[in-house]
Amino acid sequence: EPNSIYHIYNQGNNRQPIFFKEENYLFFLRKMREHLLPYGDLLCYCLMPNHFHWLFFVRQTTVGVTQSHADSGALRNLNDSIGILLRSYTRAINRQEDRSGALFREKTKAKDGWENPNLPPAHPNYQKLLREWDLYGATCFGYIHDNPRRAGLVKQAEDWPYSSCADFAGIRKGTLCNQILARELLGLP
């Protein structure tokens, strides 16, 4: 749904690794930019050795396919684009690792955050919905960024190079996430 926030995640089939070296993480990040950003804004992300998390604000659910089919007028939806991202990444890893078959679990999960249908402040549930979203959004944001620390990969979450935590901490100047929108929607400093 447009104007909605989703916590999107998937993991390696049978919890197997999906990233084997730094180049894999960097390739996946480029694919994220190419296949996600036409649909909205990435609020935060974390790539772990065997899974990933995205907090994503959807602006539009379909976009025109113009990169390779300039005159086709075809539309592609966000779900299809995520599938293309994961399949193309899987093909690259299968070649690299001399393997075959599925790399990711069959279903990518998307937990619906608070849908913002531009409710007027006079709506009877306006304040309740705002409080629920603030709690869920901030909790999800923290959960995503704290994954590497909880897994024992780093002592501090902002030290993990494959998440947006260092960007929000001001340590790195990444451009993949829309930090202004994330701070606004999630009530972050």
Protein backbone atom coordinates (compact mmCIF):
# COMPACT_ATOMS: atom_id res chain seq x y z
CA GLU A 1 0.00 0.00 0.00
CA PRO A 2 1.28 3.49 -0.78
CA ASN A 3 2.15 5.68 2.22
CA SER A 4 2.82 2.61 4.34
CA ILE A 5 5.87 1.39 6.18
CA TYR A 6 6.94 -2.25 6.06
CA HIS A 7 9.53 -4.27 7.92
CA ILE A 8 10.74 -6.55 5.11
CA TYR A 9 13.02 -9.49 5.82
CA ASN A 10 14.24 -12.84 4.56
CA GLN A 11 16.95 -15.31 5.45
CA GLY A 12 19.05 -17.98 3.88
CA ASN A 13 17.32 -21.24 3.06
CA ASN A 14 17.81 -23.53 6.09
CA ARG A 15 19.44 -20.51 7.78
CA GLN A 16 22.48 -20.92 5.53
CA PRO A 17 24.77 -17.94 4.84
CA ILE A 18 23.76 -15.57 2.06
CA PHE A 19 26.86 -13.36 2.19
CA PHE A 20 30.30 -14.92 1.88
CA LYS A 21 32.62 -11.93 1.44
CA GLU A 22 32.52 -8.15 1.47
CA GLU A 23 31.88 -7.91 -2.28
CA ASN A 24 28.63 -9.86 -1.77
CA TYR A 25 27.32 -7.30 0.72
CA LEU A 26 28.29 -4.42 -1.57
CA PHE A 27 26.67 -6.07 -4.61
CA PHE A 28 23.45 -6.64 -2.61
CA LEU A 29 23.45 -2.98 -1.50
CA ARG A 30 23.72 -1.85 -5.14
CA LYS A 31 20.83 -4.17 -6.03
CA MET A 32 18.77 -2.67 -3.17
CA ARG A 33 19.31 0.84 -4.55
CA GLU A 34 18.36 -0.28 -8.06
CA HIS A 35 15.30 -2.36 -7.20
CA LEU A 36 13.82 -0.73 -4.06
CA LEU A 37 14.30 3.01 -4.35
CA PRO A 38 12.05 3.51 -7.39
CA TYR A 39 9.15 2.52 -5.09
CA GLY A 40 9.90 4.57 -2.01
CA ASP A 41 12.42 5.26 0.72
CA LEU A 42 14.59 2.94 2.72
CA LEU A 43 14.37 4.06 6.35
CA CYS A 44 16.99 1.65 7.67
CA TYR A 45 18.56 -1.71 6.84
CA CYS A 46 20.84 -4.41 8.16
CA LEU A 47 22.51 -7.19 6.18
CA MET A 48 23.56 -10.11 8.37
CA PRO A 49 25.58 -13.16 7.28
CA ASN A 50 22.41 -15.26 6.85
CA HIS A 51 19.53 -12.76 6.65
CA PHE A 52 18.54 -9.15 5.99
CA HIS A 53 16.10 -6.55 7.35
CA TRP A 54 14.72 -3.43 5.68
CA LEU A 55 12.39 -0.79 7.08
CA PHE A 56 10.82 0.65 3.94
CA PHE A 57 8.38 3.48 3.27
CA VAL A 58 6.31 2.73 0.15
CA ARG A 59 5.45 5.75 -1.99
CA GLN A 60 4.15 3.84 -5.01
CA THR A 61 3.51 0.17 -5.63
CA THR A 62 4.17 0.12 -9.38
CA VAL A 63 6.68 1.86 -11.61
CA GLY A 64 7.21 1.92 -15.34
CA VAL A 65 9.86 -0.47 -16.58
CA THR A 66 12.14 1.87 -18.48
CA GLN A 67 15.68 0.62 -17.92
CA SER A 68 15.64 -2.09 -20.58
CA HIS A 69 12.26 -1.65 -22.27
CA ALA A 70 12.01 2.08 -22.92
CA ASP A 71 8.90 1.95 -25.10
CA SER A 72 7.09 -1.01 -23.58
CA GLY A 73 4.90 0.95 -21.17
CA ALA A 74 5.09 -2.07 -18.86
CA LEU A 75 4.67 -1.69 -15.12
CA ARG A 76 6.49 -3.60 -12.41
CA ASN A 77 5.32 -3.86 -8.81
CA LEU A 78 7.43 -3.73 -5.67
CA ASN A 79 6.99 -7.44 -4.92
CA ASP A 80 8.20 -8.37 -8.41
CA SER A 81 11.16 -6.04 -8.05
CA ILE A 82 12.15 -7.62 -4.71
CA GLY A 83 11.90 -11.03 -6.39
CA ILE A 84 14.15 -9.86 -9.23
CA LEU A 85 16.67 -8.52 -6.71
CA LEU A 86 16.79 -11.81 -4.79
CA ARG A 87 16.91 -14.01 -7.91
CA SER A 88 19.69 -12.02 -9.55
CA TYR A 89 21.68 -12.06 -6.30
CA THR A 90 21.11 -15.82 -5.98
CA ARG A 91 22.38 -16.40 -9.53
CA ALA A 92 25.55 -14.43 -8.77
CA ILE A 93 26.18 -16.32 -5.51
CA ASN A 94 25.45 -19.69 -7.11
CA ARG A 95 28.08 -18.92 -9.76
CA GLN A 96 30.58 -17.66 -7.18
CA GLU A 97 30.11 -20.59 -4.80
CA ASP A 98 29.64 -23.25 -7.50
CA ARG A 99 26.26 -24.20 -6.08
CA SER A 100 22.70 -24.43 -7.33
CA GLY A 101 19.20 -24.02 -5.98
CA ALA A 102 17.48 -21.58 -3.68
CA LEU A 103 19.60 -19.26 -1.58
CA PHE A 104 16.71 -17.54 0.25
CA ARG A 105 13.60 -18.85 1.93
CA GLU A 106 10.70 -19.02 -0.48
CA LYS A 107 8.69 -16.20 1.08
CA THR A 108 10.05 -12.77 1.85
CA LYS A 109 8.14 -11.48 4.88
CA ALA A 110 6.71 -7.99 5.08
CA LYS A 111 5.25 -6.89 8.38
CA ASP A 112 2.86 -4.02 7.84
CA GLY A 113 3.73 -1.02 9.93
CA TRP A 114 1.26 1.68 10.72
CA GLU A 115 -0.50 2.63 7.51
CA ASN A 116 -0.68 6.39 7.22
CA PRO A 117 -3.86 7.13 5.27
CA ASN A 118 -3.49 10.85 6.09
CA LEU A 119 -6.04 10.65 8.86
CA PRO A 120 -7.24 14.05 9.98
CA PRO A 121 -6.33 14.91 13.59
CA ALA A 122 -10.08 14.92 14.34
CA HIS A 123 -10.27 11.18 13.58
CA PRO A 124 -11.34 9.36 16.79
CA ASN A 125 -8.34 6.97 16.67
CA TYR A 126 -5.74 9.51 15.52
CA GLN A 127 -3.75 9.81 18.77
CA LYS A 128 -3.93 6.07 19.48
CA LEU A 129 -2.64 5.21 16.01
CA LEU A 130 0.17 7.75 16.28
CA ARG A 131 1.31 6.27 19.62
CA GLU A 132 1.15 2.70 18.28
CA TRP A 133 3.13 3.60 15.17
CA ASP A 134 5.74 5.56 17.14
CA LEU A 135 6.26 2.58 19.42
CA TYR A 136 6.40 0.00 16.61
CA GLY A 137 8.56 2.12 14.30
CA ALA A 138 11.14 3.06 16.90
CA THR A 139 11.24 -0.50 18.25
CA CYS A 140 11.70 -1.96 14.76
CA PHE A 141 14.37 0.61 13.89
CA GLY A 142 16.33 -0.28 17.03
CA TYR A 143 15.83 -4.01 16.54
CA ILE A 144 17.13 -3.88 12.96
CA HIS A 145 20.22 -1.87 13.89
CA ASP A 146 21.01 -3.91 17.01
CA ASN A 147 21.05 -7.27 15.17
CA PRO A 148 24.85 -7.46 14.70
CA ARG A 149 25.55 -6.59 18.35
CA ARG A 150 23.03 -9.12 19.65
CA ALA A 151 24.57 -11.76 17.36
CA GLY A 152 28.03 -11.05 18.81
CA LEU A 153 29.46 -9.80 15.51
CA VAL A 154 30.41 -6.38 16.93
CA LYS A 155 30.56 -4.74 20.34
CA GLN A 156 28.60 -1.68 19.19
CA ALA A 157 25.84 -1.73 16.56
CA GLU A 158 27.30 1.21 14.66
CA ASP A 159 30.51 -0.79 14.05
CA TRP A 160 28.73 -3.21 11.68
CA PRO A 161 29.57 -1.99 8.15
CA TYR A 162 26.53 -3.57 6.48
CA SER A 163 23.78 -1.64 8.20
CA SER A 164 22.58 1.95 8.20
CA CYS A 165 23.34 2.36 11.91
CA ALA A 166 26.70 4.09 11.25
CA ASP A 167 24.92 6.56 8.97
CA PHE A 168 22.40 7.52 11.64
CA ALA A 169 25.20 7.74 14.23
CA GLY A 170 27.00 10.26 11.99
CA ILE A 171 30.03 7.98 11.53
CA ARG A 172 29.46 7.42 7.82
CA LYS A 173 27.72 9.50 5.16
CA GLY A 174 25.65 6.81 3.45
CA THR A 175 22.96 7.83 0.97
CA LEU A 176 20.91 4.64 0.67
CA CYS A 177 18.49 5.58 3.47
CA ASN A 178 16.34 8.69 3.61
CA GLN A 179 17.49 9.79 7.07
CA ILE A 180 15.36 12.93 7.13
CA LEU A 181 12.18 10.96 6.46
CA ALA A 182 13.17 8.20 8.89
CA ARG A 183 13.75 10.72 11.68
CA GLU A 184 10.44 12.44 10.91
CA LEU A 185 8.31 9.27 10.67
CA LEU A 186 9.97 7.46 13.57
CA GLY A 187 10.35 10.42 15.90
CA LEU A 188 14.14 10.03 16.03
CA PRO A 189 16.51 12.81 17.10
